Amino acid sequence: MPDNQIITPAIAEMPEGITGQGFFATSFDKAVGLARKNSLWPLPFATSCCGIEFMATMASHYDLARFGSERLSFSPRQSDLLMVMGTIAKKMGPVLREVYIQMAEPKWVIAVGACASSGGVFDTYSVLQGIDRIIPVDVYVPGCPPRPEQIIDGILKIQELVGNESLRRRNSEGYNDLMKQYHIE
């Protein structure tokens, strides 16, 4: 790269609003959505090969940090994005469910790879045939294992969902009905 080339930093896209000389006004929902979508704290729940692809996604070549997700949290109470990657045995199901329940609201879930999404090639008595049987899933990332670009695409889909979500959605009747379907109160 030449010495005289100026690198401009990436700036978050401005939400809808009213712009004037020296001011900008928007709704509270849009401002909170912008902050949330650009500061996700993922909790990686990796059990097999999809976890290795996630490691590549966090490494310098793909750099998930540029999307505001650089702070991995291994405590459910400090996370808002649960990334389930790999085969989930039925014995592990209650543990995964407990991790989800311990997360503070608002929270989102990505099922990464064929095993987390549908059990993958393991159609056996011991493998959970998709994590959506025990917890709600917001985004599915296909692949066996998915490439880092696919995981990044899943993060971008979550960011879109987070940025457009109403602050009152979690208190809505539809959301409460969804939690009741999963027996989560």
Protein backbone atom coordinates (compact mmCIF):
# COMPACT_ATOMS: atom_id res chain seq x y z
CA MET A 1 0.00 0.00 0.00
CA PRO A 2 1.44 3.43 -0.91
CA ASP A 3 2.39 5.74 1.94
CA ASN A 4 0.16 8.56 0.74
CA GLN A 5 -3.05 6.49 0.68
CA ILE A 6 -5.54 7.47 3.38
CA ILE A 7 -7.52 4.69 5.04
CA THR A 8 -11.01 5.76 6.07
CA PRO A 9 -12.54 3.93 9.03
CA ALA A 10 -15.87 2.15 8.65
CA ILE A 11 -18.72 4.12 10.20
CA ALA A 12 -22.08 2.67 11.23
CA GLU A 13 -24.91 3.60 8.90
CA MET A 14 -27.06 6.41 10.26
CA PRO A 15 -30.66 5.48 11.14
CA GLU A 16 -33.66 7.26 9.61
CA GLY A 17 -34.20 10.67 11.08
CA ILE A 18 -34.30 14.42 10.60
CA THR A 19 -31.04 16.16 9.82
CA GLY A 20 -30.36 19.84 10.14
CA GLN A 21 -27.37 22.10 10.55
CA GLY A 22 -25.74 20.95 13.78
CA PHE A 23 -28.36 18.39 14.84
CA PHE A 24 -29.81 14.97 14.08
CA ALA A 25 -33.07 13.60 15.49
CA THR A 26 -34.35 10.02 15.32
CA SER A 27 -36.61 7.74 17.32
CA PHE A 28 -35.40 6.06 20.50
CA ASP A 29 -36.02 2.61 18.94
CA LYS A 30 -33.72 3.40 16.01
CA ALA A 31 -30.93 4.75 18.24
CA VAL A 32 -31.06 1.73 20.56
CA GLY A 33 -31.23 -0.64 17.56
CA LEU A 34 -28.11 0.97 16.07
CA ALA A 35 -26.23 0.59 19.36
CA ARG A 36 -27.34 -3.02 19.90
CA LYS A 37 -26.61 -4.25 16.39
CA ASN A 38 -23.07 -2.88 16.45
CA SER A 39 -22.15 -4.24 19.88
CA LEU A 40 -23.27 -7.88 20.00
CA TRP A 41 -21.61 -10.04 22.65
CA PRO A 42 -21.60 -13.59 21.30
CA LEU A 43 -21.40 -16.71 23.43
CA PRO A 44 -19.92 -19.51 21.29
CA PHE A 45 -21.39 -22.91 22.17
CA ALA A 46 -19.13 -24.96 19.92
CA THR A 47 -19.00 -28.74 20.04
CA SER A 48 -17.38 -29.92 16.80
CA CYS A 49 -16.07 -28.89 13.36
CA CYS A 50 -18.28 -25.79 13.08
CA GLY A 51 -16.40 -24.44 16.08
CA ILE A 52 -13.15 -24.66 14.12
CA GLU A 53 -14.69 -22.62 11.29
CA PHE A 54 -15.83 -20.08 13.89
CA MET A 55 -12.24 -19.81 15.13
CA ALA A 56 -11.21 -18.98 11.57
CA THR A 57 -13.97 -16.35 11.46
CA MET A 58 -12.57 -14.70 14.59
CA ALA A 59 -8.98 -14.78 13.27
CA SER A 60 -7.33 -11.90 11.46
CA HIS A 61 -8.17 -12.97 7.90
CA TYR A 62 -11.97 -12.72 8.36
CA ASP A 63 -11.98 -10.60 11.54
CA LEU A 64 -15.46 -10.73 13.05
CA ALA A 65 -14.43 -7.77 15.23
CA ARG A 66 -15.11 -5.39 12.35
CA PHE A 67 -18.81 -6.11 12.83
CA GLY A 68 -18.81 -5.17 16.51
CA SER A 69 -18.67 -8.77 17.78
CA GLU A 70 -15.10 -8.94 19.00
CA ARG A 71 -15.86 -9.44 22.66
CA LEU A 72 -16.65 -13.11 23.09
CA SER A 73 -18.32 -13.88 26.36
CA PHE A 74 -18.24 -17.29 27.96
CA SER A 75 -20.78 -16.34 30.58
CA PRO A 76 -24.45 -16.45 29.57
CA ARG A 77 -25.26 -13.53 31.87
CA GLN A 78 -22.94 -11.27 29.88
CA SER A 79 -24.03 -12.37 26.39
CA ASP A 80 -26.84 -11.43 24.07
CA LEU A 81 -26.07 -13.70 21.09
CA LEU A 82 -25.91 -17.48 21.51
CA MET A 83 -24.02 -19.13 18.65
CA VAL A 84 -24.65 -22.88 18.71
CA MET A 85 -22.12 -24.65 16.49
CA GLY A 86 -21.90 -28.37 15.97
CA THR A 87 -23.57 -31.57 17.03
CA ILE A 88 -25.76 -31.33 20.12
CA ALA A 89 -26.34 -34.62 21.89
CA LYS A 90 -29.69 -35.08 23.61
CA LYS A 91 -27.85 -35.28 26.94
CA MET A 92 -26.44 -31.81 26.22
CA GLY A 93 -29.87 -30.36 25.41
CA PRO A 94 -30.80 -29.41 29.00
CA VAL A 95 -27.43 -27.68 29.43
CA LEU A 96 -27.93 -25.65 26.23
CA ARG A 97 -31.45 -24.75 27.33
CA GLU A 98 -30.19 -23.62 30.74
CA VAL A 99 -27.52 -21.46 29.09
CA TYR A 100 -30.25 -19.84 26.96
CA ILE A 101 -32.49 -19.23 29.97
CA GLN A 102 -29.61 -17.63 31.92
CA MET A 103 -29.02 -15.05 29.18
CA ALA A 104 -30.48 -11.61 29.82
CA GLU A 105 -33.07 -10.13 27.48
CA PRO A 106 -32.87 -9.22 24.69
CA LYS A 107 -31.16 -12.32 23.33
CA TRP A 108 -30.76 -13.89 19.93
CA VAL A 109 -29.70 -17.34 18.69
CA ILE A 110 -27.79 -18.50 15.60
CA ALA A 111 -27.73 -22.19 14.68
CA VAL A 112 -24.44 -22.65 12.81
CA GLY A 113 -24.07 -25.67 10.54
CA ALA A 114 -26.19 -28.64 9.58
CA CYS A 115 -25.87 -30.40 12.96
CA ALA A 116 -27.15 -27.49 15.05
CA SER A 117 -29.86 -26.73 12.49
CA SER A 118 -31.18 -30.26 11.81
CA GLY A 119 -28.94 -32.91 13.35
CA GLY A 120 -26.88 -33.13 10.16
CA VAL A 121 -25.93 -36.60 8.99
CA PHE A 122 -26.38 -37.96 12.52
CA ASP A 123 -29.96 -39.24 12.41
CA THR A 124 -29.49 -41.29 15.57
CA TYR A 125 -31.24 -41.70 18.90
CA SER A 126 -28.56 -39.71 20.74
CA VAL A 127 -28.36 -36.56 18.57
CA LEU A 128 -30.80 -33.68 18.89
CA GLN A 129 -32.38 -33.14 15.45
CA GLY A 130 -32.09 -29.34 15.54
CA ILE A 131 -31.73 -27.00 18.49
CA ASP A 132 -35.05 -25.36 17.61
CA ARG A 133 -36.67 -28.29 19.42
CA ILE A 134 -35.52 -26.87 22.76
CA ILE A 135 -34.81 -23.13 22.19
CA PRO A 136 -36.03 -20.58 19.61
CA VAL A 137 -33.62 -19.85 16.74
CA ASP A 138 -33.42 -16.51 14.93
CA VAL A 139 -30.96 -17.32 12.10
CA TYR A 140 -29.83 -20.61 10.55
CA VAL A 141 -26.40 -20.81 8.90
CA PRO A 142 -26.27 -23.76 6.45
CA GLY A 143 -23.22 -25.88 5.68
CA CYS A 144 -21.24 -28.83 6.93
CA PRO A 145 -19.18 -27.08 8.17
CA PRO A 146 -20.11 -23.59 6.96
CA ARG A 147 -17.35 -21.39 5.59
CA PRO A 148 -16.37 -18.29 7.58
CA GLU A 149 -18.12 -16.16 4.95
CA GLN A 150 -21.39 -17.94 5.75
CA ILE A 151 -20.94 -17.33 9.48
CA ILE A 152 -20.30 -13.65 8.75
CA ASP A 153 -23.48 -13.60 6.65
CA GLY A 154 -25.37 -15.07 9.64
CA ILE A 155 -23.98 -12.31 11.88
CA LEU A 156 -25.08 -9.69 9.35
CA LYS A 157 -28.59 -11.22 9.29
CA ILE A 158 -28.71 -11.06 13.10
CA GLN A 159 -27.52 -7.44 13.00
CA GLU A 160 -30.33 -6.61 10.58
CA LEU A 161 -32.86 -8.29 12.87
CA VAL A 162 -31.46 -6.56 15.98
CA GLY A 163 -31.35 -3.13 14.32
CA ASN A 164 -34.99 -3.33 13.21
CA GLU A 165 -36.44 -4.95 16.33
CA SER A 166 -38.86 -2.86 18.35
CA LEU A 167 -38.00 -2.25 21.98
CA ARG A 168 -41.46 -3.51 22.89
CA ARG A 169 -41.28 -6.79 20.92
CA ARG A 170 -40.04 -8.75 23.92
CA ASN A 171 -43.11 -7.66 25.87
CA SER A 172 -45.53 -8.54 23.08
CA GLU A 173 -48.13 -11.27 23.27
CA GLY A 174 -46.58 -13.08 20.29
CA TYR A 175 -43.16 -13.25 21.96
CA ASN A 176 -44.67 -14.48 25.23
CA ASP A 177 -46.59 -17.16 23.30
CA LEU A 178 -43.32 -18.26 21.64
CA MET A 179 -41.63 -18.62 25.04
CA LYS A 180 -44.62 -20.62 26.32
CA GLN A 181 -44.27 -23.00 23.36
CA TYR A 182 -40.74 -23.74 24.57
CA HIS A 183 -41.91 -23.90 28.21
CA ILE A 184 -39.77 -20.90 29.14
CA GLU A 185 -41.45 -18.47 31.51
